[in-house]
Amino acid sequence: MLRSRWMRPGLIAIALLLAGASQHAAIAQERRAIPPKDKDNPLTELISGYYFTPLRMRALQDDDFDNPGYNSAVPQGEKLWNQKEGGAQKSCASCHGSPAESMREVGASYPKYQEGVSAVITLEQRVNICRGREMRAAAWPLESEAMVSMLAFIKLQSRGVPVNVTVTGPAQATFERGKALYNGRMGQLGMSCAHCHNDHYGDNLRDETLSQGHSNGFPVYQVRAQKMISLHERFRACFREMRALPFEPGSPELVDLELYLAWRGNGLPIETPAVRR
């Protein structure tokens, strides 16, 4: 009898934990959508890629202790943020101070038009401009571990901030080219990005559920590759799947496409570092 009384609170606690886990799973299963910010958006609802992944992957993304992208890339990015380099012996922190303050909105606003280079650039390209101009340090390859880690760290500061890119004014030509590329047929299969991510999201392609193809989680930890990947690396993989010739990382075509994709997801919160298949 004493043993039974002693065990009862433990059983109650376990039951409560299981109930809480079940409730969390039920909430995670609910596909949450927001209306697009722009009436010209081809999507009638915006759904993050998070909701097209299995629950086990969502659980990894939700817990920074378990998130493999957070644990691998973010500490490295923070180290690089504070590391003095180049002829000027400066770090990112030398100019920008606390990233939680100076970078809070940055990850949600790129790609954007930069007066200094008279072009729309990505956040990776902006990092390399700063490295060359302010630090007098060598540029990082755009898909290098250092660059992906730095991007993960910077965009983490914007986590939860809605994507908000500008596609009017001097950015409009870039946007229009990106839109044409996204909707244009390409490769031996004669497919477009829109075929999968506008017309067939939610359908299964082999063992994978097609998402709307948003960029708000990039760079992401890709489970099948077991590493962090950049958005341009994912673009290139998609081109290969369509049997089309991939563009080079940082090419004008991929910058155009990145701007259009960001606009298409305007309003979705930044999730970096996300976990995807």
Foldseek 3Di string as FASTA:
>chain_A
DVVVVVCVVVVVVVVVVVVVVVVVLVVLQDFDWDAAPDPPQLARTDTDPSNQDDPVQVVQLVDLVNVLQNVPQQVLLVCQQQAQDAPQRDHVCNPQPDLLPSLQCVLQAPQAADPVVLAGFGPLVVVQVCCCPPRVHHRDPCWDSNSQSNSLNSLVSNFQPFRDYDCDDSNVVLQVLLVCQQQFQFAPQRDHVCVQQVVQAQDDDVPGGGYNDADLQPQEQEVVVRGGGGPLVVVQVVCVVRRGHRDDPRDSNVSSNNRNRSSSRGGDGRSGHHYHD
